[in-house]
Amino acid sequence: MQSNLIEQGFDLMLFGMGTVFVFLLLLVAVTVCMSKMINHWYPEEKDFVEIVAEQPPVDPHIASVIQVAIDLYRAR
């Protein structure tokens, strides 16, 4: 009796794990197919416009104050 229950439990475990494995394989396959279809119908545009914002020059006095602060921090 005990071995029969173990066999049934093992069969049920294999059936459940097999079902999950097949479902995940189908999910991956469908996701890959949908991704390929979307990329085929709506390809990414290759033209990129790089926007560079002009930065105002740093005042030399402010730059020297920042440098002194960095030097004091490192000297600790």
PDB file of N, CA and C in Angstrom:
ATOM      1  N   MET A   1       0.822  -1.202   0.000  1.00  0.00           N
ATOM      2  CA  MET A   1       0.000   0.000   0.000  1.00  0.00           C
ATOM      3  C   MET A   1       0.862   1.260   0.000  1.00  0.00           C
ATOM      4  N   GLN A   2       1.923   1.253   0.807  1.00  0.00           N
ATOM      5  CA  GLN A   2       2.769   2.430   0.919  1.00  0.00           C
ATOM      6  C   GLN A   2       3.467   2.728  -0.406  1.00  0.00           C
ATOM      7  N   SER A   3       3.968   1.700  -1.091  1.00  0.00           N
ATOM      8  CA  SER A   3       4.664   1.924  -2.351  1.00  0.00           C
ATOM      9  C   SER A   3       3.700   2.428  -3.420  1.00  0.00           C
ATOM     10  N   ASN A   4       2.454   2.023  -3.360  1.00  0.00           N
ATOM     11  CA  ASN A   4       1.454   2.493  -4.313  1.00  0.00           C
ATOM     12  C   ASN A   4       1.225   3.993  -4.149  1.00  0.00           C
ATOM     13  N   LEU A   5       1.154   4.459  -2.909  1.00  0.00           N
ATOM     14  CA  LEU A   5       0.972   5.886  -2.658  1.00  0.00           C
ATOM     15  C   LEU A   5       2.194   6.682  -3.129  1.00  0.00           C
ATOM     16  N   ILE A   6       3.384   6.135  -2.898  1.00  0.00           N
ATOM     17  CA  ILE A   6       4.606   6.817  -3.331  1.00  0.00           C
ATOM     18  C   ILE A   6       4.646   6.897  -4.850  1.00  0.00           C
ATOM     19  N   GLU A   7       4.272   5.827  -5.523  1.00  0.00           N
ATOM     20  CA  GLU A   7       4.244   5.829  -6.992  1.00  0.00           C
ATOM     21  C   GLU A   7       3.233   6.846  -7.517  1.00  0.00           C
ATOM     22  N   GLN A   8       2.072   6.902  -6.885  1.00  0.00           N
ATOM     23  CA  GLN A   8       1.059   7.866  -7.316  1.00  0.00           C
ATOM     24  C   GLN A   8       1.551   9.303  -7.074  1.00  0.00           C
ATOM     25  N   GLY A   9       2.184   9.520  -5.935  1.00  0.00           N
ATOM     26  CA  GLY A   9       2.723  10.852  -5.656  1.00  0.00           C
ATOM     27  C   GLY A   9       3.811  11.230  -6.643  1.00  0.00           C
ATOM     28  N   PHE A  10       4.667  10.264  -6.982  1.00  0.00           N
ATOM     29  CA  PHE A  10       5.725  10.519  -7.952  1.00  0.00           C
ATOM     30  C   PHE A  10       5.142  10.809  -9.335  1.00  0.00           C
ATOM     31  N   ASP A  11       4.145  10.037  -9.737  1.00  0.00           N
ATOM     32  CA  ASP A  11       3.491  10.280 -11.029  1.00  0.00           C
ATOM     33  C   ASP A  11       2.827  11.659 -11.064  1.00  0.00           C
ATOM     34  N   LEU A  12       2.166  12.005  -9.980  1.00  0.00           N
ATOM     35  CA  LEU A  12       1.507  13.315  -9.903  1.00  0.00           C
ATOM     36  C   LEU A  12       2.535  14.439  -9.953  1.00  0.00           C
ATOM     37  N   MET A  13       3.684  14.254  -9.280  1.00  0.00           N
ATOM     38  CA  MET A  13       4.738  15.260  -9.295  1.00  0.00           C
ATOM     39  C   MET A  13       5.292  15.440 -10.706  1.00  0.00           C
ATOM     40  N   LEU A  14       5.566  14.325 -11.388  1.00  0.00           N
ATOM     41  CA  LEU A  14       6.087  14.410 -12.753  1.00  0.00           C
ATOM     42  C   LEU A  14       5.081  15.054 -13.693  1.00  0.00           C
ATOM     43  N   PHE A  15       3.802  14.711 -13.540  1.00  0.00           N
ATOM     44  CA  PHE A  15       2.770  15.324 -14.387  1.00  0.00           C
ATOM     45  C   PHE A  15       2.690  16.823 -14.151  1.00  0.00           C
ATOM     46  N   GLY A  16       2.727  17.245 -12.894  1.00  0.00           N
ATOM     47  CA  GLY A  16       2.648  18.673 -12.576  1.00  0.00           C
ATOM     48  C   GLY A  16       3.875  19.428 -13.062  1.00  0.00           C
ATOM     49  N   MET A  17       5.062  18.871 -12.834  1.00  0.00           N
ATOM     50  CA  MET A  17       6.277  19.544 -13.280  1.00  0.00           C
ATOM     51  C   MET A  17       6.352  19.571 -14.800  1.00  0.00           C
ATOM     52  N   GLY A  18       5.909  18.524 -15.451  1.00  0.00           N
ATOM     53  CA  GLY A  18       5.886  18.494 -16.917  1.00  0.00           C
ATOM     54  C   GLY A  18       4.936  19.530 -17.476  1.00  0.00           C
ATOM     55  N   THR A  19       3.782  19.657 -16.846  1.00  0.00           N
ATOM     56  CA  THR A  19       2.802  20.651 -17.291  1.00  0.00           C
ATOM     57  C   THR A  19       3.376  22.063 -17.163  1.00  0.00           C
ATOM     58  N   VAL A  20       4.010  22.359 -16.039  1.00  0.00           N
ATOM     59  CA  VAL A  20       4.603  23.684 -15.833  1.00  0.00           C
ATOM     60  C   VAL A  20       5.721  23.913 -16.841  1.00  0.00           C
ATOM     61  N   PHE A  21       6.557  22.900 -17.087  1.00  0.00           N
ATOM     62  CA  PHE A  21       7.655  23.033 -18.026  1.00  0.00           C
ATOM     63  C   PHE A  21       7.139  23.311 -19.435  1.00  0.00           C
ATOM     64  N   VAL A  22       6.117  22.578 -19.865  1.00  0.00           N
ATOM     65  CA  VAL A  22       5.546  22.797 -21.198  1.00  0.00           C
ATOM     66  C   VAL A  22       4.919  24.185 -21.287  1.00  0.00           C
ATOM     67  N   PHE A  23       4.226  24.607 -20.232  1.00  0.00           N
ATOM     68  CA  PHE A  23       3.616  25.935 -20.236  1.00  0.00           C
ATOM     69  C   PHE A  23       4.681  27.018 -20.349  1.00  0.00           C
ATOM     70  N   LEU A  24       5.776  26.889 -19.612  1.00  0.00           N
ATOM     71  CA  LEU A  24       6.832  27.902 -19.679  1.00  0.00           C
ATOM     72  C   LEU A  24       7.512  27.913 -21.049  1.00  0.00           C
ATOM     73  N   LEU A  25       7.714  26.736 -21.649  1.00  0.00           N
ATOM     74  CA  LEU A  25       8.273  26.691 -22.997  1.00  0.00           C
ATOM     75  C   LEU A  25       7.355  27.386 -23.998  1.00  0.00           C
ATOM     76  N   LEU A  26       6.055  27.137 -23.894  1.00  0.00           N
ATOM     77  CA  LEU A  26       5.105  27.802 -24.786  1.00  0.00           C
ATOM     78  C   LEU A  26       5.097  29.312 -24.550  1.00  0.00           C
ATOM     79  N   LEU A  27       5.194  29.721 -23.303  1.00  0.00           N
ATOM     80  CA  LEU A  27       5.214  31.144 -22.981  1.00  0.00           C
ATOM     81  C   LEU A  27       6.429  31.822 -23.591  1.00  0.00           C
ATOM     82  N   VAL A  28       7.593  31.194 -23.488  1.00  0.00           N
ATOM     83  CA  VAL A  28       8.810  31.760 -24.069  1.00  0.00           C
ATOM     84  C   VAL A  28       8.690  31.815 -25.586  1.00  0.00           C
ATOM     85  N   ALA A  29       8.189  30.743 -26.193  1.00  0.00           N
ATOM     86  CA  ALA A  29       8.058  30.706 -27.649  1.00  0.00           C
ATOM     87  C   ALA A  29       7.093  31.775 -28.152  1.00  0.00           C
ATOM     88  N   VAL A  30       5.961  31.930 -27.495  1.00  0.00           N
ATOM     89  CA  VAL A  30       4.984  32.944 -27.914  1.00  0.00           C
ATOM     90  C   VAL A  30       5.560  34.340 -27.723  1.00  0.00           C
ATOM     91  N   THR A  31       6.279  34.570 -26.622  1.00  0.00           N
ATOM     92  CA  THR A  31       6.878  35.886 -26.379  1.00  0.00           C
ATOM     93  C   THR A  31       7.923  36.218 -27.438  1.00  0.00           C
ATOM     94  N   VAL A  32       8.750  35.245 -27.808  1.00  0.00           N
ATOM     95  CA  VAL A  32       9.759  35.481 -28.842  1.00  0.00           C
ATOM     96  C   VAL A  32       9.085  35.764 -30.182  1.00  0.00           C
ATOM     97  N   CYS A  33       8.049  35.006 -30.517  1.00  0.00           N
ATOM     98  CA  CYS A  33       7.334  35.235 -31.784  1.00  0.00           C
ATOM     99  C   CYS A  33       6.682  36.612 -31.813  1.00  0.00           C
ATOM    100  N   MET A  34       6.056  37.005 -30.705  1.00  0.00           N
ATOM    101  CA  MET A  34       5.429  38.329 -30.666  1.00  0.00           C
ATOM    102  C   MET A  34       6.474  39.429 -30.793  1.00  0.00           C
ATOM    103  N   SER A  35       7.615  39.253 -30.167  1.00  0.00           N
ATOM    104  CA  SER A  35       8.682  40.246 -30.252  1.00  0.00           C
ATOM    105  C   SER A  35       9.181  40.370 -31.689  1.00  0.00           C
ATOM    106  N   LYS A  36       9.360  39.239 -32.365  1.00  0.00           N
ATOM    107  CA  LYS A  36       9.812  39.280 -33.756  1.00  0.00           C
ATOM    108  C   LYS A  36       8.769  39.928 -34.660  1.00  0.00           C
ATOM    109  N   MET A  37       7.491  39.649 -34.423  1.00  0.00           N
ATOM    110  CA  MET A  37       6.437  40.259 -35.247  1.00  0.00           C
ATOM    111  C   MET A  37       6.400  41.769 -35.039  1.00  0.00           C
ATOM    112  N   ILE A  38       6.486  42.206 -33.794  1.00  0.00           N
ATOM    113  CA  ILE A  38       6.450  43.641 -33.511  1.00  0.00           C
ATOM    114  C   ILE A  38       7.659  44.328 -34.135  1.00  0.00           C
ATOM    115  N   ASN A  39       8.851  43.715 -34.014  1.00  0.00           N
ATOM    116  CA  ASN A  39      10.043  44.315 -34.615  1.00  0.00           C
ATOM    117  C   ASN A  39       9.965  44.316 -36.139  1.00  0.00           C
ATOM    118  N   HIS A  40       9.251  43.361 -36.707  1.00  0.00           N
ATOM    119  CA  HIS A  40       9.091  43.324 -38.166  1.00  0.00           C
ATOM    120  C   HIS A  40       8.133  44.416 -38.640  1.00  0.00           C
ATOM    121  N   TRP A  41       7.008  44.575 -37.937  1.00  0.00           N
ATOM    122  CA  TRP A  41       6.011  45.554 -38.347  1.00  0.00           C
ATOM    123  C   TRP A  41       6.393  46.977 -37.957  1.00  0.00           C
ATOM    124  N   TYR A  42       7.022  47.133 -36.805  1.00  0.00           N
ATOM    125  CA  TYR A  42       7.388  48.460 -36.310  1.00  0.00           C
ATOM    126  C   TYR A  42       8.883  48.482 -35.972  1.00  0.00           C
ATOM    127  N   PRO A  43       9.721  48.572 -36.983  1.00  0.00           N
ATOM    128  CA  PRO A  43      11.167  48.559 -36.703  1.00  0.00           C
ATOM    129  C   PRO A  43      11.584  49.840 -35.976  1.00  0.00           C
ATOM    130  N   GLU A  44      12.672  49.725 -35.231  1.00  0.00           N
ATOM    131  CA  GLU A  44      13.193  50.883 -34.522  1.00  0.00           C
ATOM    132  C   GLU A  44      13.797  51.863 -35.515  1.00  0.00           C
ATOM    133  N   GLU A  45      13.598  53.132 -35.239  1.00  0.00           N
ATOM    134  CA  GLU A  45      14.173  54.144 -36.104  1.00  0.00           C
ATOM    135  C   GLU A  45      15.637  54.302 -35.751  1.00  0.00           C
ATOM    136  N   LYS A  46      16.475  54.331 -36.770  1.00  0.00           N
ATOM    137  CA  LYS A  46      17.915  54.387 -36.557  1.00  0.00           C
ATOM    138  C   LYS A  46      18.442  55.814 -36.455  1.00  0.00           C
ATOM    139  N   ASP A  47      17.637  56.793 -36.808  1.00  0.00           N
ATOM    140  CA  ASP A  47      18.097  58.177 -36.798  1.00  0.00           C
ATOM    141  C   ASP A  47      17.972  58.751 -35.388  1.00  0.00           C
ATOM    142  N   PHE A  48      19.114  59.016 -34.797  1.00  0.00           N
ATOM    143  CA  PHE A  48      19.135  59.615 -33.477  1.00  0.00           C
ATOM    144  C   PHE A  48      19.704  61.022 -33.600  1.00  0.00           C
ATOM    145  N   VAL A  49      19.049  61.940 -32.968  1.00  0.00           N
ATOM    146  CA  VAL A  49      19.534  63.310 -32.938  1.00  0.00           C
ATOM    147  C   VAL A  49      20.097  63.552 -31.549  1.00  0.00           C
ATOM    148  N   GLU A  50      21.371  63.820 -31.505  1.00  0.00           N
ATOM    149  CA  GLU A  50      22.009  64.044 -30.220  1.00  0.00           C
ATOM    150  C   GLU A  50      21.857  65.511 -29.844  1.00  0.00           C
ATOM    151  N   ILE A  51      21.266  65.720 -28.700  1.00  0.00           N
ATOM    152  CA  ILE A  51      21.043  67.077 -28.218  1.00  0.00           C
ATOM    153  C   ILE A  51      22.076  67.358 -27.140  1.00  0.00           C
ATOM    154  N   VAL A  52      22.892  68.349 -27.397  1.00  0.00           N
ATOM    155  CA  VAL A  52      23.937  68.724 -26.451  1.00  0.00           C
ATOM    156  C   VAL A  52      23.622  70.126 -25.943  1.00  0.00           C
ATOM    157  N   ALA A  53      23.445  70.212 -24.649  1.00  0.00           N
ATOM    158  CA  ALA A  53      23.145  71.514 -24.061  1.00  0.00           C
ATOM    159  C   ALA A  53      24.456  72.235 -23.773  1.00  0.00           C
ATOM    160  N   GLU A  54      24.469  73.502 -24.081  1.00  0.00           N
ATOM    161  CA  GLU A  54      25.661  74.300 -23.793  1.00  0.00           C
ATOM    162  C   GLU A  54      25.715  74.586 -22.310  1.00  0.00           C
ATOM    163  N   GLN A  55      26.892  74.378 -21.745  1.00  0.00           N
ATOM    164  CA  GLN A  55      27.072  74.673 -20.335  1.00  0.00           C
ATOM    165  C   GLN A  55      27.809  75.998 -20.212  1.00  0.00           C
ATOM    166  N   PRO A  56      27.337  76.835 -19.327  1.00  0.00           N
ATOM    167  CA  PRO A  56      28.043  78.102 -19.149  1.00  0.00           C
ATOM    168  C   PRO A  56      29.410  77.829 -18.517  1.00  0.00           C
ATOM    169  N   PRO A  57      30.389  78.633 -18.843  1.00  0.00           N
ATOM    170  CA  PRO A  57      31.720  78.413 -18.264  1.00  0.00           C
ATOM    171  C   PRO A  57      31.687  78.632 -16.755  1.00  0.00           C
ATOM    172  N   VAL A  58      32.518  77.863 -16.062  1.00  0.00           N
ATOM    173  CA  VAL A  58      32.580  77.967 -14.601  1.00  0.00           C
ATOM    174  C   VAL A  58      33.491  79.135 -14.237  1.00  0.00           C
ATOM    175  N   ASP A  59      32.997  79.930 -13.302  1.00  0.00           N
ATOM    176  CA  ASP A  59      33.776  81.070 -12.819  1.00  0.00           C
ATOM    177  C   ASP A  59      35.066  80.553 -12.169  1.00  0.00           C
ATOM    178  N   PRO A  60      36.213  81.110 -12.497  1.00  0.00           N
ATOM    179  CA  PRO A  60      37.477  80.623 -11.928  1.00  0.00           C
ATOM    180  C   PRO A  60      37.515  80.692 -10.406  1.00  0.00           C
ATOM    181  N   HIS A  61      36.856  81.686  -9.827  1.00  0.00           N
ATOM    182  CA  HIS A  61      36.829  81.798  -8.373  1.00  0.00           C
ATOM    183  C   HIS A  61      36.065  80.606  -7.772  1.00  0.00           C
ATOM    184  N   ILE A  62      34.933  80.264  -8.360  1.00  0.00           N
ATOM    185  CA  ILE A  62      34.136  79.137  -7.870  1.00  0.00           C
ATOM    186  C   ILE A  62      34.911  77.833  -8.058  1.00  0.00           C
ATOM    187  N   ALA A  63      35.610  77.699  -9.167  1.00  0.00           N
ATOM    188  CA  ALA A  63      36.400  76.491  -9.409  1.00  0.00           C
ATOM    189  C   ALA A  63      37.502  76.350  -8.362  1.00  0.00           C
ATOM    190  N   SER A  64      38.131  77.459  -7.995  1.00  0.00           N
ATOM    191  CA  SER A  64      39.194  77.390  -6.981  1.00  0.00           C
ATOM    192  C   SER A  64      38.620  77.060  -5.610  1.00  0.00           C
ATOM    193  N   VAL A  65      37.439  77.571  -5.300  1.00  0.00           N
ATOM    194  CA  VAL A  65      36.795  77.256  -4.012  1.00  0.00           C
ATOM    195  C   VAL A  65      36.451  75.763  -3.961  1.00  0.00           C
ATOM    196  N   ILE A  66      35.941  75.237  -5.052  1.00  0.00           N
ATOM    197  CA  ILE A  66      35.618  73.806  -5.107  1.00  0.00           C
ATOM    198  C   ILE A  66      36.889  72.970  -4.947  1.00  0.00           C
ATOM    199  N   GLN A  67      37.970  73.376  -5.596  1.00  0.00           N
ATOM    200  CA  GLN A  67      39.228  72.639  -5.500  1.00  0.00           C
ATOM    201  C   GLN A  67      39.766  72.656  -4.075  1.00  0.00           C
ATOM    202  N   VAL A  68      39.672  73.796  -3.387  1.00  0.00           N
ATOM    203  CA  VAL A  68      40.132  73.879  -1.992  1.00  0.00           C
ATOM    204  C   VAL A  68      39.281  72.969  -1.109  1.00  0.00           C
ATOM    205  N   ALA A  69      37.977  72.941  -1.348  1.00  0.00           N
ATOM    206  CA  ALA A  69      37.097  72.081  -0.556  1.00  0.00           C
ATOM    207  C   ALA A  69      37.437  70.605  -0.776  1.00  0.00           C
ATOM    208  N   ILE A  70      37.729  70.231  -2.003  1.00  0.00           N
ATOM    209  CA  ILE A  70      38.115  68.841  -2.293  1.00  0.00           C
ATOM    210  C   ILE A  70      39.433  68.505  -1.616  1.00  0.00           C
ATOM    211  N   ASP A  71      40.379  69.423  -1.674  1.00  0.00           N
ATOM    212  CA  ASP A  71      41.683  69.182  -1.031  1.00  0.00           C
ATOM    213  C   ASP A  71      41.528  69.041   0.475  1.00  0.00           C
ATOM    214  N   LEU A  72      40.703  69.877   1.104  1.00  0.00           N
ATOM    215  CA  LEU A  72      40.474  69.770   2.554  1.00  0.00           C
ATOM    216  C   LEU A  72      39.797  68.460   2.903  1.00  0.00           C
ATOM    217  N   TYR A  73      38.872  68.006   2.078  1.00  0.00           N
ATOM    218  CA  TYR A  73      38.178  66.746   2.337  1.00  0.00           C
ATOM    219  C   TYR A  73      39.150  65.566   2.245  1.00  0.00           C
ATOM    220  N   ARG A  74      40.022  65.604   1.268  1.00  0.00           N
ATOM    221  CA  ARG A  74      40.976  64.514   1.101  1.00  0.00           C
ATOM    222  C   ARG A  74      42.071  64.524   2.153  1.00  0.00           C
ATOM    223  N   ALA A  75      42.325  65.688   2.745  1.00  0.00           N
ATOM    224  CA  ALA A  75      43.387  65.802   3.745  1.00  0.00           C
ATOM    225  C   ALA A  75      42.976  65.281   5.103  1.00  0.00           C
ATOM    226  N   ARG A  76      41.757  64.901   5.306  1.00  0.00           N
ATOM    227  CA  ARG A  76      41.287  64.412   6.601  1.00  0.00           C
ATOM    228  C   ARG A  76      42.049  63.219   7.067  1.00  0.00           C
TER     229      ARG A  76
END
